[in-house]
Amino acid sequence: MNASGVAIYPTTRPITETAIEEPTTTVSSLFDLHANGVYRLALAMLREPEAAQDVVQDTFARLIEQVRNHGPLTNPRGWLYTVAAHACRDRQRRLGRWLPWFSERDTRRAAETPDRLDDTRAVLDAIRGLPSRDRLLIALRAQGLSYREIGEAAGIRYASVGQLVTRALNRLQQELDRRG
């Protein structure tokens, strides 16, 4: 965790030939490559750092089991984001809520003086105001997943992904315009 209490996972390290042969090395390499992105996705969906960390842990625990039982994955990045997205939705269902954000219940105060992060905060606040599926689609797209991977992770048809991502981005723009 960094000073502000946000989990930071190591960044990228390429997967080597030996990583494909040794499951623990494979998992370690995949963790180095994708843990930050999986965490950001989970945080965007759940809005709770501890819950997002749990999703990362659960996702990689499932990866260990998957590699041990079935060997290397053909599309590990897509698999990881799909498992993480499903874990987030399962967690939300167990809690009996889809975590809507209500601006009138938000008691945080804006800073008196603007800083360099004001634009970032405006975008994040606008994203929080979107429906959960839009947040998911935007988060997956921001991670650089292909439309096919987004479709698998979000549980929607590949043919619909482009249109749904475009609509989500349009709603985000409308939310930003409304707030701005």
C-alpha atoms as a PDB file:
ATOM      1  CA  MET A   1       0.000   0.000   0.000  1.00  0.00           C
ATOM      2  CA  ASN A   2       1.111   3.537  -0.623  1.00  0.00           C
ATOM      3  CA  ALA A   3       0.874   6.436   1.833  1.00  0.00           C
ATOM      4  CA  SER A   4      -2.780   7.111   0.966  1.00  0.00           C
ATOM      5  CA  GLY A   5      -3.798   3.502   1.668  1.00  0.00           C
ATOM      6  CA  VAL A   6      -4.196   2.400  -1.958  1.00  0.00           C
ATOM      7  CA  ALA A   7      -2.786  -0.985  -2.951  1.00  0.00           C
ATOM      8  CA  ILE A   8       0.063  -0.764  -5.406  1.00  0.00           C
ATOM      9  CA  TYR A   9       1.205  -3.944  -7.060  1.00  0.00           C
ATOM     10  CA  PRO A  10       4.493  -4.431  -8.908  1.00  0.00           C
ATOM     11  CA  THR A  11       4.535  -3.472 -12.557  1.00  0.00           C
ATOM     12  CA  THR A  12       5.376  -5.372 -15.673  1.00  0.00           C
ATOM     13  CA  ARG A  13       7.954  -8.067 -16.220  1.00  0.00           C
ATOM     14  CA  PRO A  14       7.911 -10.106 -19.444  1.00  0.00           C
ATOM     15  CA  ILE A  15       6.864 -13.752 -19.375  1.00  0.00           C
ATOM     16  CA  THR A  16       9.785 -15.982 -20.357  1.00  0.00           C
ATOM     17  CA  GLU A  17       9.833 -19.434 -21.900  1.00  0.00           C
ATOM     18  CA  THR A  18      10.536 -20.980 -18.480  1.00  0.00           C
ATOM     19  CA  ALA A  19       7.502 -19.170 -17.109  1.00  0.00           C
ATOM     20  CA  ILE A  20       5.298 -21.169 -19.434  1.00  0.00           C
ATOM     21  CA  GLU A  21       6.873 -24.412 -18.219  1.00  0.00           C
ATOM     22  CA  GLU A  22       6.673 -23.644 -14.480  1.00  0.00           C
ATOM     23  CA  PRO A  23       3.178 -22.791 -13.128  1.00  0.00           C
ATOM     24  CA  THR A  24       4.425 -20.768 -10.129  1.00  0.00           C
ATOM     25  CA  THR A  25       6.638 -18.651 -12.351  1.00  0.00           C
ATOM     26  CA  THR A  26       3.769 -18.195 -14.782  1.00  0.00           C
ATOM     27  CA  VAL A  27       1.460 -16.970 -12.037  1.00  0.00           C
ATOM     28  CA  SER A  28       4.155 -14.697 -10.658  1.00  0.00           C
ATOM     29  CA  SER A  29       4.780 -13.199 -14.095  1.00  0.00           C
ATOM     30  CA  LEU A  30       1.085 -12.725 -14.734  1.00  0.00           C
ATOM     31  CA  PHE A  31       0.720 -11.086 -11.324  1.00  0.00           C
ATOM     32  CA  ASP A  32       3.536  -8.673 -12.148  1.00  0.00           C
ATOM     33  CA  LEU A  33       1.942  -7.856 -15.497  1.00  0.00           C
ATOM     34  CA  HIS A  34      -1.719  -7.571 -14.537  1.00  0.00           C
ATOM     35  CA  ALA A  35      -2.269  -7.102 -10.784  1.00  0.00           C
ATOM     36  CA  ASN A  36      -2.413  -3.302 -11.037  1.00  0.00           C
ATOM     37  CA  GLY A  37      -4.988  -3.423 -13.823  1.00  0.00           C
ATOM     38  CA  VAL A  38      -7.121  -6.026 -12.059  1.00  0.00           C
ATOM     39  CA  TYR A  39      -6.984  -3.900  -8.899  1.00  0.00           C
ATOM     40  CA  ARG A  40      -8.043  -0.759 -10.774  1.00  0.00           C
ATOM     41  CA  LEU A  41     -10.937  -2.646 -12.376  1.00  0.00           C
ATOM     42  CA  ALA A  42     -12.081  -4.010  -9.005  1.00  0.00           C
ATOM     43  CA  LEU A  43     -11.717  -0.608  -7.358  1.00  0.00           C
ATOM     44  CA  ALA A  44     -13.759   1.023 -10.128  1.00  0.00           C
ATOM     45  CA  MET A  45     -16.521  -1.528  -9.660  1.00  0.00           C
ATOM     46  CA  LEU A  46     -16.514  -1.858  -5.866  1.00  0.00           C
ATOM     47  CA  ARG A  47     -15.193   1.540  -4.732  1.00  0.00           C
ATOM     48  CA  GLU A  48     -13.624  -0.035  -1.650  1.00  0.00           C
ATOM     49  CA  PRO A  49      -9.830  -0.577  -1.609  1.00  0.00           C
ATOM     50  CA  GLU A  50     -10.020  -3.554   0.776  1.00  0.00           C
ATOM     51  CA  ALA A  51     -12.668  -5.286  -1.345  1.00  0.00           C
ATOM     52  CA  ALA A  52     -10.641  -4.595  -4.499  1.00  0.00           C
ATOM     53  CA  GLN A  53      -7.566  -6.146  -2.870  1.00  0.00           C
ATOM     54  CA  ASP A  54      -9.632  -9.208  -1.967  1.00  0.00           C
ATOM     55  CA  VAL A  55     -10.753  -9.542  -5.582  1.00  0.00           C
ATOM     56  CA  VAL A  56      -7.125  -9.389  -6.771  1.00  0.00           C
ATOM     57  CA  GLN A  57      -6.166 -12.055  -4.260  1.00  0.00           C
ATOM     58  CA  ASP A  58      -9.119 -14.281  -5.180  1.00  0.00           C
ATOM     59  CA  THR A  59      -8.473 -13.852  -8.901  1.00  0.00           C
ATOM     60  CA  PHE A  60      -4.849 -14.922  -8.643  1.00  0.00           C
ATOM     61  CA  ALA A  61      -5.699 -17.770  -6.270  1.00  0.00           C
ATOM     62  CA  ARG A  62      -8.098 -19.040  -8.927  1.00  0.00           C
ATOM     63  CA  LEU A  63      -5.339 -18.606 -11.520  1.00  0.00           C
ATOM     64  CA  ILE A  64      -3.032 -20.861  -9.496  1.00  0.00           C
ATOM     65  CA  GLU A  65      -5.746 -23.501  -9.354  1.00  0.00           C
ATOM     66  CA  GLN A  66      -6.470 -23.117 -13.087  1.00  0.00           C
ATOM     67  CA  VAL A  67      -2.797 -23.456 -14.097  1.00  0.00           C
ATOM     68  CA  ARG A  68      -2.259 -26.455 -11.818  1.00  0.00           C
ATOM     69  CA  ASN A  69      -5.319 -28.274 -13.134  1.00  0.00           C
ATOM     70  CA  HIS A  70      -5.313 -27.267 -16.806  1.00  0.00           C
ATOM     71  CA  GLY A  71      -1.894 -25.840 -17.679  1.00  0.00           C
ATOM     72  CA  PRO A  72      -1.102 -22.456 -19.242  1.00  0.00           C
ATOM     73  CA  LEU A  73      -3.963 -20.301 -20.506  1.00  0.00           C
ATOM     74  CA  THR A  74      -4.274 -19.279 -24.146  1.00  0.00           C
ATOM     75  CA  ASN A  75      -5.468 -15.770 -23.215  1.00  0.00           C
ATOM     76  CA  PRO A  76      -4.381 -15.117 -19.620  1.00  0.00           C
ATOM     77  CA  ARG A  77      -5.145 -11.382 -19.660  1.00  0.00           C
ATOM     78  CA  GLY A  78      -8.711 -11.915 -20.822  1.00  0.00           C
ATOM     79  CA  TRP A  79      -9.140 -14.773 -18.353  1.00  0.00           C
ATOM     80  CA  LEU A  80      -7.909 -12.631 -15.433  1.00  0.00           C
ATOM     81  CA  TYR A  81     -10.182  -9.686 -16.218  1.00  0.00           C
ATOM     82  CA  THR A  82     -13.155 -11.977 -16.792  1.00  0.00           C
ATOM     83  CA  VAL A  83     -12.626 -13.725 -13.451  1.00  0.00           C
ATOM     84  CA  ALA A  84     -12.120 -10.385 -11.678  1.00  0.00           C
ATOM     85  CA  ALA A  85     -15.261  -8.845 -13.209  1.00  0.00           C
ATOM     86  CA  HIS A  86     -17.312 -11.881 -12.203  1.00  0.00           C
ATOM     87  CA  ALA A  87     -15.819 -11.800  -8.695  1.00  0.00           C
ATOM     88  CA  CYS A  88     -16.826  -8.136  -8.360  1.00  0.00           C
ATOM     89  CA  ARG A  89     -20.363  -8.836  -9.516  1.00  0.00           C
ATOM     90  CA  ASP A  90     -20.613 -11.829  -7.167  1.00  0.00           C
ATOM     91  CA  ARG A  91     -19.417  -9.688  -4.278  1.00  0.00           C
ATOM     92  CA  GLN A  92     -21.982  -7.007  -5.141  1.00  0.00           C
ATOM     93  CA  ARG A  93     -24.767  -9.594  -5.329  1.00  0.00           C
ATOM     94  CA  ARG A  94     -23.773 -11.075  -1.974  1.00  0.00           C
ATOM     95  CA  LEU A  95     -24.004  -7.625  -0.470  1.00  0.00           C
ATOM     96  CA  GLY A  96     -27.416  -7.228  -2.083  1.00  0.00           C
ATOM     97  CA  ARG A  97     -26.529  -4.036  -3.862  1.00  0.00           C
ATOM     98  CA  TRP A  98     -25.034  -2.739  -7.083  1.00  0.00           C
ATOM     99  CA  LEU A  99     -23.463   0.230  -5.324  1.00  0.00           C
ATOM    100  CA  PRO A 100     -25.230   3.174  -6.919  1.00  0.00           C
ATOM    101  CA  TRP A 101     -23.677   6.517  -6.154  1.00  0.00           C
ATOM    102  CA  PHE A 102     -25.957   9.254  -4.863  1.00  0.00           C
ATOM    103  CA  SER A 103     -24.459  12.722  -5.004  1.00  0.00           C
ATOM    104  CA  GLU A 104     -26.788  14.004  -2.285  1.00  0.00           C
ATOM    105  CA  ARG A 105     -25.380  11.407   0.149  1.00  0.00           C
ATOM    106  CA  ASP A 106     -21.763  12.260  -0.624  1.00  0.00           C
ATOM    107  CA  THR A 107     -20.565  14.282   2.361  1.00  0.00           C
ATOM    108  CA  ARG A 108     -17.038  14.967   1.116  1.00  0.00           C
ATOM    109  CA  ARG A 109     -16.028  18.606   0.759  1.00  0.00           C
ATOM    110  CA  ALA A 110     -14.296  20.043  -2.270  1.00  0.00           C
ATOM    111  CA  ALA A 111     -10.913  21.672  -1.749  1.00  0.00           C
ATOM    112  CA  GLU A 112     -10.975  25.439  -1.391  1.00  0.00           C
ATOM    113  CA  THR A 113      -8.255  25.883  -3.990  1.00  0.00           C
ATOM    114  CA  PRO A 114      -8.045  23.976  -7.260  1.00  0.00           C
ATOM    115  CA  ASP A 115      -5.104  21.657  -7.812  1.00  0.00           C
ATOM    116  CA  ARG A 116      -3.705  19.695 -10.729  1.00  0.00           C
ATOM    117  CA  LEU A 117      -5.990  16.728  -9.966  1.00  0.00           C
ATOM    118  CA  ASP A 118      -9.266  18.646 -10.275  1.00  0.00           C
ATOM    119  CA  ASP A 119      -9.909  17.397 -13.816  1.00  0.00           C
ATOM    120  CA  THR A 120      -9.146  13.828 -12.737  1.00  0.00           C
ATOM    121  CA  ARG A 121     -11.528  14.100  -9.814  1.00  0.00           C
ATOM    122  CA  ALA A 122     -14.269  15.477 -12.076  1.00  0.00           C
ATOM    123  CA  VAL A 123     -13.909  12.512 -14.405  1.00  0.00           C
ATOM    124  CA  LEU A 124     -13.867  10.024 -11.524  1.00  0.00           C
ATOM    125  CA  ASP A 125     -16.946  11.630  -9.986  1.00  0.00           C
ATOM    126  CA  ALA A 126     -18.705  11.501 -13.356  1.00  0.00           C
ATOM    127  CA  ILE A 127     -17.786   7.814 -13.739  1.00  0.00           C
ATOM    128  CA  ARG A 128     -19.169   7.109 -10.258  1.00  0.00           C
ATOM    129  CA  GLY A 129     -22.467   8.607 -11.389  1.00  0.00           C
ATOM    130  CA  LEU A 130     -22.832   6.070 -14.212  1.00  0.00           C
ATOM    131  CA  PRO A 131     -24.706   2.753 -14.015  1.00  0.00           C
ATOM    132  CA  SER A 132     -22.534  -0.200 -12.937  1.00  0.00           C
ATOM    133  CA  ARG A 133     -22.391  -1.758 -16.422  1.00  0.00           C
ATOM    134  CA  ASP A 134     -21.135   1.511 -17.915  1.00  0.00           C
ATOM    135  CA  ARG A 135     -18.484   1.758 -15.174  1.00  0.00           C
ATOM    136  CA  LEU A 136     -17.420  -1.814 -15.917  1.00  0.00           C
ATOM    137  CA  LEU A 137     -17.206  -1.268 -19.685  1.00  0.00           C
ATOM    138  CA  ILE A 138     -15.236   1.965 -19.311  1.00  0.00           C
ATOM    139  CA  ALA A 139     -12.856   0.369 -16.788  1.00  0.00           C
ATOM    140  CA  LEU A 140     -12.242  -2.656 -19.028  1.00  0.00           C
ATOM    141  CA  ARG A 141     -11.670  -0.444 -22.071  1.00  0.00           C
ATOM    142  CA  ALA A 142      -9.326   1.783 -20.069  1.00  0.00           C
ATOM    143  CA  GLN A 143      -7.277  -1.323 -19.274  1.00  0.00           C
ATOM    144  CA  GLY A 144      -6.810  -1.846 -23.021  1.00  0.00           C
ATOM    145  CA  LEU A 145      -8.839  -5.020 -23.361  1.00  0.00           C
ATOM    146  CA  SER A 146     -10.075  -5.958 -26.811  1.00  0.00           C
ATOM    147  CA  TYR A 147     -13.793  -5.964 -27.554  1.00  0.00           C
ATOM    148  CA  ARG A 148     -13.765  -9.768 -27.421  1.00  0.00           C
ATOM    149  CA  GLU A 149     -12.113  -9.710 -23.971  1.00  0.00           C
ATOM    150  CA  ILE A 150     -14.526  -7.024 -22.773  1.00  0.00           C
ATOM    151  CA  GLY A 151     -17.456  -9.113 -23.962  1.00  0.00           C
ATOM    152  CA  GLU A 152     -16.185 -12.168 -22.094  1.00  0.00           C
ATOM    153  CA  ALA A 153     -15.464 -10.213 -18.914  1.00  0.00           C
ATOM    154  CA  ALA A 154     -18.771  -8.334 -18.935  1.00  0.00           C
ATOM    155  CA  GLY A 155     -20.898 -11.262 -20.054  1.00  0.00           C
ATOM    156  CA  ILE A 156     -22.175  -9.573 -23.213  1.00  0.00           C
ATOM    157  CA  ARG A 157     -22.091 -10.597 -26.872  1.00  0.00           C
ATOM    158  CA  TYR A 158     -18.947  -9.624 -28.745  1.00  0.00           C
ATOM    159  CA  ALA A 159     -21.054  -8.028 -31.493  1.00  0.00           C
ATOM    160  CA  SER A 160     -22.641  -5.652 -28.958  1.00  0.00           C
ATOM    161  CA  VAL A 161     -19.482  -4.498 -27.196  1.00  0.00           C
ATOM    162  CA  GLY A 162     -18.547  -1.623 -29.525  1.00  0.00           C
ATOM    163  CA  GLN A 163     -21.983  -0.079 -29.383  1.00  0.00           C
ATOM    164  CA  LEU A 164     -22.292  -0.507 -25.610  1.00  0.00           C
ATOM    165  CA  VAL A 165     -18.827   0.972 -24.958  1.00  0.00           C
ATOM    166  CA  THR A 166     -19.678   3.918 -27.219  1.00  0.00           C
ATOM    167  CA  ARG A 167     -22.950   4.483 -25.361  1.00  0.00           C
ATOM    168  CA  ALA A 168     -21.170   4.292 -22.003  1.00  0.00           C
ATOM    169  CA  LEU A 169     -18.605   6.847 -23.160  1.00  0.00           C
ATOM    170  CA  ASN A 170     -21.384   9.089 -24.484  1.00  0.00           C
ATOM    171  CA  ARG A 171     -23.156   8.899 -21.107  1.00  0.00           C
ATOM    172  CA  LEU A 172     -19.850   9.756 -19.430  1.00  0.00           C
ATOM    173  CA  GLN A 173     -19.475  12.790 -21.690  1.00  0.00           C
ATOM    174  CA  GLN A 174     -23.050  13.867 -20.934  1.00  0.00           C
ATOM    175  CA  GLU A 175     -22.364  13.487 -17.212  1.00  0.00           C
ATOM    176  CA  LEU A 176     -19.198  15.579 -17.533  1.00  0.00           C
ATOM    177  CA  ASP A 177     -21.068  18.244 -19.519  1.00  0.00           C
ATOM    178  CA  ARG A 178     -23.857  18.306 -16.954  1.00  0.00           C
ATOM    179  CA  ARG A 179     -21.374  18.758 -14.106  1.00  0.00           C
ATOM    180  CA  GLY A 180     -19.128  21.197 -15.938  1.00  0.00           C
END
